[in-house]
Amino acid sequence: MQGYRILIVEDDPKMRDALQHIMRKEGYGVDAVETGESSLERLKTTDYELIISDLKLPGMDGMDVLRAAKKYKPDVGVIVITAYGTIDSAVVAMKSGAEDYITKPFNIEHIRLVVKKALEKRELSTRNALLESQLRRKYRFENIIGNSETMIAVYRMIEQIKDSKTTVLLRGETGTGKELVARAIHFNSVRAATPFIPLNCAALSENLAGSELFGHVKGSFTGALRDRRGIFEMAEGGTIFLDEIGDIGLGLQQVFLRVLEDGEIQPVGSTERKKVSVRIIAATNRNLEQLVREEKFREDLYYRINVVAIDLPPLRERREDIGVLARHVLDKYTVENGKPLRVVSPEALALLEAASWPGNVRELENVIERAVLLADGDEIEPGNLPRHLQHAPQAEPGGSESDGTLERVGRNHVIEVLRSTEGNKAKASAILGINRTTLWRMMQKLKIEDGEFLPK
């Protein structure tokens, strides 16, 4: 807490000297004046984090100092000093923006605590403002990289719907950047200063979902030792990102449907329902229409979340973006690792552009990060790429992308990754930039058997 500057406004010389002495012993930079008018002159030339002012002053009183301070520097903290007979005035001052008040005669430990709390509050506020600024920069639209027509269409859609209350459904394969898009929608919208809470639906247990989503009241079940807010209450005014919503069971689907329809929640063990104002952005890598036909996903919930749908294209369908994506990721990891790399060599870039990328952008990022660590020169060479990418895939004679060549290339790519890890699915998932469940589904879809990649 050292390094903060405090201005003391006190007309009593003994009180002024005592406050200066106490604050300087705490390591703060301290200035002191005896009138409200003098404090204004100081405020015009010096930045203070905190002002400690007596309410009873000759000329300008403490309330005038408070109003002037908030005018010149709205985020400055103000603590008022009052005698017992003027505590009512101190309460009025707090309603006008003061942080706290100290009564005369004062206790030194109490003053230290009040000042510390006020400065901690200001520090937290400053950090939150910085974090919000960083989040805005991190999730700017331009950080969703791509110049292809399909990505330009995505940018336009985000711009059109970002400030609405409409539920959004993001559709795309694993690794296409669905959460990045969800965060871009939120942090570029009128809700940017409100919470953004991601929720992995695949990891949501139906037994615990009620408490996690809607909270509970003390004593509602064994272990409920105190009231607890759920995700919907914590996200009030903001956004909840329901990732992989296609993985939730029918019971939870009914729960989500009711909240989306009524805008109300009921904490576990409570008889009262609460209104909530939350925007929902859902995402899935599964075919929800097919799940509806198979009666594995509620049709009414599907239509409720599918008000606006944004389809994120897989990397293989926007190969013209691979170069710019690779350069963007290269810049990121060269800075992080202090490497002098400048470019991806033409030969390495050709291999990247020819790959099938079943793990999409996430897999590409993993590959570039690995290459940055292994490269010795000032550019990424083919030899810095994983073994399964060092040879461009060849289409079958007479084949074309439309007759299944891309799917075959993708199948071969997954097999090569599994083979390079000697069948270690955890390592293969990390290389592909996907989780083990997604890898298992991919193997099922592509009919990949263990014998095709395990050592013989």
Protein backbone atom coordinates (compact mmCIF):
# COMPACT_ATOMS: atom_id res chain seq x y z
CA MET A 1 0.00 0.00 0.00
CA GLN A 2 3.04 2.27 0.10
CA GLY A 3 3.39 4.95 -2.57
CA TYR A 4 -0.11 6.37 -2.20
CA ARG A 5 -0.50 10.10 -1.63
CA ILE A 6 -2.90 11.39 1.03
CA LEU A 7 -4.12 14.97 1.57
CA ILE A 8 -5.14 15.93 5.11
CA VAL A 9 -7.51 18.91 5.53
CA GLU A 10 -7.66 19.89 9.23
CA ASP A 11 -7.69 23.32 10.88
CA ASP A 12 -6.60 22.04 14.33
CA PRO A 13 -2.75 22.08 14.29
CA LYS A 14 -2.35 19.27 16.85
CA MET A 15 -4.85 17.03 15.06
CA ARG A 16 -3.25 17.84 11.68
CA ASP A 17 0.25 17.01 12.96
CA ALA A 18 -0.98 13.77 14.59
CA LEU A 19 -2.65 12.58 11.39
CA GLN A 20 0.45 13.43 9.35
CA HIS A 21 2.64 11.48 11.76
CA ILE A 22 0.36 8.40 11.72
CA MET A 23 0.04 8.29 7.93
CA ARG A 24 3.76 8.81 7.29
CA LYS A 25 4.60 5.96 9.67
CA GLU A 26 2.40 3.77 7.46
CA GLY A 27 4.58 4.68 4.47
CA TYR A 28 2.16 7.04 2.69
CA GLY A 29 3.13 10.31 1.06
CA VAL A 30 1.30 13.01 3.04
CA ASP A 31 0.44 16.66 2.47
CA ALA A 32 -1.59 18.70 4.96
CA VAL A 33 -3.52 21.98 4.72
CA GLU A 34 -5.70 23.85 7.22
CA THR A 35 -8.54 25.13 5.00
CA GLY A 36 -10.87 23.81 2.35
CA GLU A 37 -9.75 26.56 -0.04
CA SER A 38 -6.11 25.42 0.29
CA SER A 39 -7.15 21.85 -0.46
CA LEU A 40 -8.62 22.98 -3.80
CA GLU A 41 -5.31 24.52 -4.84
CA ARG A 42 -3.54 21.25 -3.98
CA LEU A 43 -6.09 19.18 -5.91
CA LYS A 44 -5.44 21.22 -9.05
CA THR A 45 -1.73 20.40 -9.07
CA THR A 46 -1.33 17.04 -7.31
CA ASP A 47 -2.89 13.60 -7.75
CA TYR A 48 -4.10 12.16 -4.45
CA GLU A 49 -5.53 8.72 -3.91
CA LEU A 50 -7.19 9.71 -0.62
CA ILE A 51 -8.33 12.84 1.23
CA ILE A 52 -8.91 12.94 4.99
CA SER A 53 -10.96 16.04 5.83
CA ASP A 54 -12.58 17.42 8.96
CA LEU A 55 -16.24 18.31 8.48
CA LYS A 56 -16.01 21.51 10.54
CA LEU A 57 -13.65 23.92 8.79
CA PRO A 58 -13.49 27.71 8.55
CA GLY A 59 -14.89 28.93 5.23
CA MET A 60 -15.32 25.86 2.97
CA ASP A 61 -16.43 22.96 5.16
CA GLY A 62 -15.77 19.26 4.71
CA MET A 63 -18.86 18.74 2.52
CA ASP A 64 -17.58 21.43 0.14
CA VAL A 65 -14.19 19.69 0.04
CA LEU A 66 -15.91 16.39 -0.76
CA ARG A 67 -17.93 17.89 -3.63
CA ALA A 68 -14.90 19.71 -5.05
CA ALA A 69 -12.72 16.59 -4.82
CA LYS A 70 -15.29 14.49 -6.69
CA LYS A 71 -15.51 17.21 -9.34
CA TYR A 72 -11.77 17.41 -9.97
CA LYS A 73 -11.05 13.69 -9.56
CA PRO A 74 -14.16 11.45 -9.37
CA ASP A 75 -12.23 8.35 -8.31
CA VAL A 76 -10.43 9.93 -5.32
CA GLY A 77 -11.39 8.50 -1.93
CA VAL A 78 -12.58 10.82 0.83
CA ILE A 79 -12.73 10.06 4.56
CA VAL A 80 -14.43 12.62 6.84
CA ILE A 81 -13.50 13.37 10.46
CA THR A 82 -16.37 14.25 12.76
CA ALA A 83 -17.14 14.80 16.43
CA TYR A 84 -19.78 12.65 18.09
CA GLY A 85 -22.31 15.44 17.79
CA THR A 86 -22.04 15.60 14.00
CA ILE A 87 -22.24 11.92 13.04
CA ASP A 88 -25.49 12.62 11.18
CA SER A 89 -23.54 14.96 8.94
CA ALA A 90 -20.95 12.26 8.38
CA VAL A 91 -23.69 9.89 7.21
CA VAL A 92 -24.88 12.57 4.77
CA ALA A 93 -21.29 12.88 3.55
CA MET A 94 -21.07 9.15 2.94
CA LYS A 95 -24.26 9.27 0.91
CA SER A 96 -22.58 11.99 -1.13
CA GLY A 97 -19.63 9.75 -1.96
CA ALA A 98 -17.34 9.65 1.09
CA GLU A 99 -15.67 6.30 1.77
CA ASP A 100 -15.97 6.34 5.57
CA TYR A 101 -15.77 8.57 8.62
CA ILE A 102 -13.59 8.78 11.74
CA THR A 103 -14.94 10.06 15.03
CA LYS A 104 -13.15 12.29 17.51
CA PRO A 105 -11.41 11.44 19.75
CA PHE A 106 -10.00 8.79 17.45
CA ASN A 107 -8.25 5.47 17.94
CA ILE A 108 -4.99 5.14 16.00
CA GLU A 109 -5.59 1.51 15.00
CA HIS A 110 -9.07 2.42 13.80
CA ILE A 111 -7.69 5.20 11.59
CA ARG A 112 -5.10 2.84 10.11
CA LEU A 113 -7.79 0.27 9.33
CA VAL A 114 -10.21 2.77 7.77
CA VAL A 115 -7.47 4.28 5.59
CA LYS A 116 -6.18 0.86 4.55
CA LYS A 117 -9.67 -0.31 3.57
CA ALA A 118 -10.31 2.86 1.55
CA LEU A 119 -7.05 2.49 -0.36
CA GLU A 120 -7.60 -1.23 -0.94
CA LYS A 121 -11.03 -0.44 -2.36
CA ARG A 122 -9.50 2.14 -4.69
CA GLU A 123 -6.75 -0.28 -5.75
CA LEU A 124 -9.35 -2.97 -6.50
CA SER A 125 -11.41 -0.49 -8.51
CA THR A 126 -8.31 0.53 -10.49
CA ARG A 127 -7.38 -3.11 -11.16
CA ASN A 128 -10.92 -3.89 -12.30
CA ALA A 129 -10.88 -0.92 -14.66
CA LEU A 130 -7.50 -2.06 -16.03
CA LEU A 131 -8.76 -5.64 -16.39
CA GLU A 132 -11.85 -4.44 -18.23
CA SER A 133 -9.65 -2.38 -20.55
CA GLN A 134 -7.39 -5.38 -21.17
CA LEU A 135 -10.37 -7.63 -21.83
CA ARG A 136 -11.77 -5.13 -24.31
CA ARG A 137 -8.44 -5.11 -26.14
CA LYS A 138 -8.04 -8.88 -25.97
CA TYR A 139 -11.51 -9.57 -27.35
CA ARG A 140 -11.66 -6.88 -30.03
CA PHE A 141 -13.17 -8.08 -33.27
CA GLU A 142 -9.78 -7.83 -34.99
CA ASN A 143 -8.44 -10.53 -32.68
CA ILE A 144 -10.77 -12.99 -34.39
CA ILE A 145 -8.33 -13.49 -37.23
CA GLY A 146 -9.35 -14.07 -40.84
CA ASN A 147 -9.95 -12.25 -44.12
CA SER A 148 -11.97 -14.94 -45.90
CA GLU A 149 -15.52 -14.21 -47.02
CA THR A 150 -16.93 -16.61 -44.43
CA MET A 151 -15.14 -14.80 -41.59
CA ILE A 152 -16.17 -11.37 -42.88
CA ALA A 153 -19.76 -12.61 -42.72
CA VAL A 154 -19.15 -13.63 -39.08
CA TYR A 155 -17.79 -10.14 -38.24
CA ARG A 156 -20.83 -8.49 -39.77
CA MET A 157 -23.20 -10.72 -37.82
CA ILE A 158 -21.43 -9.98 -34.52
CA GLU A 159 -21.62 -6.24 -35.15
CA GLN A 160 -25.34 -6.46 -35.89
CA ILE A 161 -26.36 -8.44 -32.80
CA LYS A 162 -23.81 -7.50 -30.12
CA ASP A 163 -26.00 -4.96 -28.28
CA SER A 164 -29.26 -6.92 -28.44
CA LYS A 165 -30.74 -9.14 -25.72
CA THR A 166 -31.25 -11.93 -28.24
CA THR A 167 -30.07 -15.45 -27.49
CA VAL A 168 -27.24 -16.47 -29.83
CA LEU A 169 -26.24 -19.96 -30.95
CA LEU A 170 -22.64 -20.46 -32.10
CA ARG A 171 -22.18 -23.55 -34.26
CA GLY A 172 -18.87 -25.00 -35.29
CA GLU A 173 -16.35 -27.79 -34.83
CA THR A 174 -14.10 -27.99 -31.79
CA GLY A 175 -11.31 -25.42 -31.97
CA THR A 176 -13.05 -22.96 -34.29
CA GLY A 177 -13.10 -20.23 -31.64
CA LYS A 178 -16.66 -20.28 -30.34
CA GLU A 179 -15.77 -18.96 -26.88
CA LEU A 180 -13.56 -16.25 -28.39
CA VAL A 181 -16.54 -15.09 -30.49
CA ALA A 182 -18.84 -15.22 -27.44
CA ARG A 183 -16.41 -13.05 -25.48
CA ALA A 184 -16.07 -10.65 -28.43
CA ILE A 185 -19.85 -10.25 -28.53
CA HIS A 186 -19.99 -9.53 -24.79
CA PHE A 187 -16.94 -7.28 -24.38
CA ASN A 188 -17.85 -5.15 -27.41
CA SER A 189 -21.45 -4.70 -26.31
CA VAL A 190 -23.30 -2.43 -23.88
CA ARG A 191 -22.86 -5.26 -21.32
CA ALA A 192 -19.05 -5.05 -21.40
CA ALA A 193 -18.77 -3.87 -17.78
CA THR A 194 -20.99 -6.70 -16.50
CA PRO A 195 -20.01 -10.34 -15.77
CA PHE A 196 -19.24 -12.88 -18.50
CA ILE A 197 -19.52 -16.40 -17.07
CA PRO A 198 -18.62 -19.45 -19.20
CA LEU A 199 -20.26 -22.75 -18.27
CA ASN A 200 -19.13 -26.12 -19.64
CA CYS A 201 -22.45 -27.92 -20.05
CA ALA A 202 -20.73 -31.27 -20.65
CA ALA A 203 -19.30 -31.15 -17.12
CA LEU A 204 -22.59 -30.13 -15.48
CA SER A 205 -23.99 -32.79 -13.16
CA GLU A 206 -27.79 -33.05 -13.11
CA ASN A 207 -27.66 -33.79 -9.36
CA LEU A 208 -25.80 -30.57 -8.56
CA ALA A 209 -27.08 -28.40 -11.40
CA GLY A 210 -29.86 -26.72 -9.43
CA SER A 211 -27.50 -25.38 -6.75
CA GLU A 212 -24.75 -24.47 -9.22
CA LEU A 213 -27.09 -22.64 -11.60
CA PHE A 214 -29.60 -21.07 -9.23
CA GLY A 215 -27.95 -21.17 -5.80
CA HIS A 216 -29.41 -22.51 -2.56
CA VAL A 217 -30.52 -21.36 0.86
CA LYS A 218 -28.91 -22.36 4.11
CA GLY A 219 -30.09 -25.78 5.35
CA SER A 220 -31.70 -26.79 2.06
CA PHE A 221 -29.57 -29.96 1.97
CA THR A 222 -26.72 -31.60 3.88
CA GLY A 223 -23.68 -29.38 3.58
CA ALA A 224 -25.64 -26.20 2.76
CA LEU A 225 -24.11 -24.25 5.63
CA ARG A 226 -24.95 -20.82 4.21
CA ASP A 227 -26.89 -19.16 1.43
CA ARG A 228 -25.13 -19.37 -1.93
CA ARG A 229 -25.74 -17.48 -5.15
CA GLY A 230 -25.87 -19.46 -8.36
CA ILE A 231 -24.39 -18.66 -11.76
CA PHE A 232 -27.52 -16.92 -13.03
CA GLU A 233 -27.54 -14.49 -10.10
CA MET A 234 -23.80 -13.86 -10.34
CA ALA A 235 -24.20 -13.03 -14.03
CA GLU A 236 -27.02 -10.52 -13.43
CA GLY A 237 -27.01 -7.94 -16.21
CA GLY A 238 -24.29 -9.82 -18.07
CA THR A 239 -23.80 -12.91 -20.22
CA ILE A 240 -23.74 -16.65 -19.58
CA PHE A 241 -21.90 -18.71 -22.20
CA LEU A 242 -23.35 -22.23 -22.36
CA ASP A 243 -20.57 -24.18 -24.04
CA GLU A 244 -21.42 -27.55 -25.62
CA ILE A 245 -25.12 -27.23 -24.87
CA GLY A 246 -25.76 -30.28 -27.04
CA ASP A 247 -24.18 -32.48 -24.34
CA ILE A 248 -26.75 -31.85 -21.60
CA GLY A 249 -29.47 -34.39 -20.75
CA LEU A 250 -33.19 -33.93 -21.22
CA GLY A 251 -33.73 -33.11 -17.55
CA LEU A 252 -31.37 -30.14 -17.64
CA GLN A 253 -32.78 -29.07 -20.98
CA GLN A 254 -36.16 -28.61 -19.29
CA VAL A 255 -34.48 -26.52 -16.56
CA PHE A 256 -32.80 -24.20 -19.07
CA LEU A 257 -36.00 -23.90 -21.11
CA ARG A 258 -37.98 -22.70 -18.10
CA VAL A 259 -35.41 -20.03 -17.24
CA LEU A 260 -35.22 -18.81 -20.82
CA GLU A 261 -39.00 -18.61 -21.09
CA ASP A 262 -39.77 -17.01 -17.70
CA GLY A 263 -36.58 -15.11 -16.92
CA GLU A 264 -36.91 -16.40 -13.36
CA ILE A 265 -34.89 -18.69 -11.10
CA GLN A 266 -35.67 -20.47 -7.84
CA PRO A 267 -32.78 -21.25 -5.48
CA VAL A 268 -32.76 -24.78 -4.06
CA GLY A 269 -34.73 -24.86 -0.82
CA SER A 270 -36.39 -21.48 -1.42
CA THR A 271 -40.09 -20.85 -1.99
CA GLU A 272 -39.42 -17.56 -3.77
CA ARG A 273 -38.64 -17.03 -7.44
CA LYS A 274 -36.26 -14.29 -8.55
CA LYS A 275 -36.20 -12.32 -11.77
CA VAL A 276 -32.87 -12.33 -13.61
CA SER A 277 -31.67 -10.33 -16.59
CA VAL A 278 -29.03 -12.42 -18.34
CA ARG A 279 -28.08 -12.81 -21.98
CA ILE A 280 -27.49 -16.37 -23.15
CA ILE A 281 -24.91 -17.31 -25.77
CA ALA A 282 -24.91 -21.05 -26.43
CA ALA A 283 -22.40 -23.07 -28.44
CA THR A 284 -22.24 -26.57 -29.85
CA ASN A 285 -20.09 -28.73 -32.11
CA ARG A 286 -22.96 -31.17 -32.56
CA ASN A 287 -25.83 -31.28 -35.05
CA LEU A 288 -28.72 -30.14 -32.86
CA GLU A 289 -31.27 -30.68 -35.65
CA GLN A 290 -30.23 -34.34 -35.82
CA LEU A 291 -30.43 -34.62 -32.03
CA VAL A 292 -33.96 -33.18 -32.15
CA ARG A 293 -34.96 -35.79 -34.73
CA GLU A 294 -33.48 -38.48 -32.50
CA GLU A 295 -35.44 -37.01 -29.54
CA LYS A 296 -32.19 -36.39 -27.65
CA PHE A 297 -32.65 -32.61 -27.64
CA ARG A 298 -35.88 -30.76 -26.93
CA GLU A 299 -37.33 -29.09 -30.00
CA ASP A 300 -38.75 -26.17 -27.97
CA LEU A 301 -35.34 -25.49 -26.38
CA TYR A 302 -33.68 -25.68 -29.79
CA TYR A 303 -35.93 -22.97 -31.18
CA ARG A 304 -35.48 -20.90 -28.02
CA ILE A 305 -31.66 -20.81 -28.28
CA ASN A 306 -31.54 -20.68 -32.08
CA VAL A 307 -32.93 -17.15 -32.44
CA VAL A 308 -29.70 -15.97 -34.09
CA ALA A 309 -27.23 -18.60 -35.29
CA ILE A 310 -23.61 -17.89 -36.24
CA ASP A 311 -21.77 -20.65 -38.08
CA LEU A 312 -18.00 -20.67 -37.55
CA PRO A 313 -16.25 -22.32 -40.49
CA PRO A 314 -13.62 -25.03 -39.94
CA LEU A 315 -10.09 -24.09 -40.89
CA ARG A 316 -10.05 -26.44 -43.90
CA GLU A 317 -12.85 -24.34 -45.43
CA ARG A 318 -10.93 -21.07 -45.10
CA ARG A 319 -7.41 -22.07 -46.06
CA GLU A 320 -6.70 -18.51 -47.25
CA ASP A 321 -6.72 -17.52 -43.56
CA ILE A 322 -4.05 -20.04 -42.49
CA GLY A 323 -1.16 -17.75 -43.41
CA VAL A 324 -2.45 -14.72 -41.51
CA LEU A 325 -3.42 -16.92 -38.54
CA ALA A 326 0.04 -18.51 -38.47
CA ARG A 327 1.74 -15.10 -38.52
CA HIS A 328 -0.53 -13.81 -35.74
CA VAL A 329 0.25 -16.83 -33.52
CA LEU A 330 3.95 -16.62 -34.42
CA ASP A 331 4.09 -13.01 -33.20
CA LYS A 332 2.39 -14.01 -29.94
CA TYR A 333 4.73 -16.87 -29.06
CA THR A 334 7.97 -15.23 -30.21
CA VAL A 335 7.27 -12.40 -27.75
CA GLU A 336 6.34 -14.82 -24.95
CA ASN A 337 9.47 -16.94 -25.47
CA GLY A 338 11.94 -14.21 -26.44
CA LYS A 339 12.79 -15.88 -29.76
CA PRO A 340 14.05 -13.87 -32.78
CA LEU A 341 11.73 -15.60 -35.27
CA ARG A 342 10.35 -13.40 -38.03
CA VAL A 343 8.40 -15.57 -40.48
CA VAL A 344 7.10 -18.98 -41.42
CA SER A 345 9.13 -20.18 -44.39
CA PRO A 346 7.26 -20.64 -47.71
CA GLU A 347 7.87 -24.40 -47.55
CA ALA A 348 6.48 -24.68 -44.01
CA LEU A 349 3.53 -22.45 -44.87
CA ALA A 350 2.69 -24.66 -47.85
CA LEU A 351 2.57 -27.68 -45.52
CA LEU A 352 0.34 -25.78 -43.05
CA GLU A 353 -2.02 -24.76 -45.83
CA ALA A 354 -2.24 -28.35 -47.09
CA ALA A 355 -3.07 -29.90 -43.71
CA SER A 356 -6.64 -30.90 -42.83
CA TRP A 357 -6.67 -29.40 -39.28
CA PRO A 358 -9.31 -31.51 -37.53
CA GLY A 359 -8.51 -29.51 -34.36
CA ASN A 360 -8.94 -26.26 -36.32
CA VAL A 361 -7.41 -22.96 -35.08
CA ARG A 362 -6.59 -24.44 -31.68
CA GLU A 363 -4.50 -27.18 -33.31
CA LEU A 364 -2.75 -24.66 -35.55
CA GLU A 365 -1.85 -22.56 -32.51
CA ASN A 366 -0.39 -25.60 -30.74
CA VAL A 367 1.68 -26.46 -33.81
CA ILE A 368 3.09 -22.93 -34.11
CA GLU A 369 3.87 -22.73 -30.38
CA ARG A 370 5.81 -26.01 -30.64
CA ALA A 371 7.64 -24.82 -33.75
CA VAL A 372 8.68 -21.56 -32.06
CA LEU A 373 10.26 -23.51 -29.21
CA LEU A 374 12.13 -25.88 -31.56
CA ALA A 375 13.28 -23.43 -34.25
CA ASP A 376 16.96 -22.42 -34.23
CA GLY A 377 17.06 -19.78 -36.97
CA ASP A 378 14.93 -16.74 -37.69
CA GLU A 379 12.11 -18.61 -39.43
CA ILE A 380 10.01 -21.72 -38.98
CA GLU A 381 11.14 -24.52 -41.30
CA PRO A 382 9.33 -27.74 -42.27
CA GLY A 383 11.56 -29.66 -39.86
CA ASN A 384 10.16 -27.65 -36.94
CA LEU A 385 6.66 -28.98 -37.63
CA PRO A 386 5.29 -32.23 -36.14
CA ARG A 387 6.23 -35.32 -38.17
CA HIS A 388 2.70 -35.89 -39.43
CA LEU A 389 2.70 -32.43 -41.07
CA GLN A 390 6.10 -32.62 -42.76
CA HIS A 391 4.75 -34.16 -45.96
CA ALA A 392 1.88 -32.61 -47.89
CA PRO A 393 -1.08 -35.03 -48.22
CA GLN A 394 -1.68 -36.41 -51.68
CA ALA A 395 -5.15 -36.73 -53.16
CA GLU A 396 -6.04 -40.07 -54.73
CA PRO A 397 -5.87 -40.27 -58.54
CA GLY A 398 -9.02 -38.78 -60.00
CA GLY A 399 -10.17 -37.70 -56.55
CA SER A 400 -11.47 -34.30 -55.55
CA GLU A 401 -12.37 -32.51 -52.35
CA SER A 402 -16.03 -33.02 -53.16
CA ASP A 403 -15.80 -36.82 -53.35
CA GLY A 404 -14.37 -37.28 -49.86
CA THR A 405 -10.66 -36.53 -50.27
CA LEU A 406 -10.75 -33.96 -47.47
CA GLU A 407 -12.35 -36.46 -45.11
CA ARG A 408 -9.72 -39.04 -46.04
CA VAL A 409 -6.93 -36.49 -45.49
CA GLY A 410 -8.43 -35.66 -42.09
CA ARG A 411 -8.59 -39.36 -41.21
CA ASN A 412 -4.97 -39.89 -42.19
CA HIS A 413 -3.97 -36.80 -40.19
CA VAL A 414 -5.58 -38.11 -37.00
CA ILE A 415 -4.01 -41.55 -37.50
CA GLU A 416 -0.58 -39.96 -37.97
CA VAL A 417 -0.95 -37.94 -34.77
CA LEU A 418 -1.99 -41.07 -32.84
CA ARG A 419 0.87 -43.01 -34.38
CA SER A 420 3.40 -40.29 -33.46
CA THR A 421 2.26 -40.50 -29.82
CA GLU A 422 2.30 -44.34 -29.89
CA GLY A 423 -1.43 -44.39 -29.21
CA ASN A 424 -1.34 -42.01 -26.23
CA LYS A 425 -4.73 -40.35 -26.64
CA ALA A 426 -4.03 -37.65 -24.04
CA LYS A 427 -0.93 -36.52 -25.96
CA ALA A 428 -2.73 -36.84 -29.31
CA SER A 429 -5.62 -34.71 -28.02
CA ALA A 430 -3.16 -32.01 -26.88
CA ILE A 431 -1.46 -31.95 -30.30
CA LEU A 432 -4.80 -31.73 -32.08
CA GLY A 433 -6.00 -29.02 -29.71
CA ILE A 434 -9.09 -30.97 -28.64
CA ASN A 435 -10.18 -32.86 -25.53
CA ARG A 436 -10.18 -36.68 -25.25
CA THR A 437 -13.97 -36.94 -25.60
CA THR A 438 -13.85 -35.06 -28.90
CA LEU A 439 -10.96 -37.26 -30.10
CA TRP A 440 -12.99 -40.36 -29.24
CA ARG A 441 -15.97 -39.01 -31.19
CA MET A 442 -13.70 -38.16 -34.13
CA MET A 443 -12.28 -41.70 -34.15
CA GLN A 444 -15.81 -43.11 -34.09
CA LYS A 445 -16.92 -40.89 -36.96
CA LEU A 446 -13.85 -41.66 -39.08
CA LYS A 447 -13.93 -45.38 -38.11
CA ILE A 448 -10.35 -45.38 -36.85
CA GLU A 449 -9.36 -48.67 -35.20
CA ASP A 450 -6.54 -49.09 -32.66
CA GLY A 451 -4.65 -51.39 -35.00
CA GLU A 452 -4.15 -48.56 -37.49
CA PHE A 453 -1.86 -46.57 -35.18
CA LEU A 454 -0.65 -48.73 -32.27
CA PRO A 455 2.93 -50.08 -32.48
CA LYS A 456 3.09 -53.65 -33.77
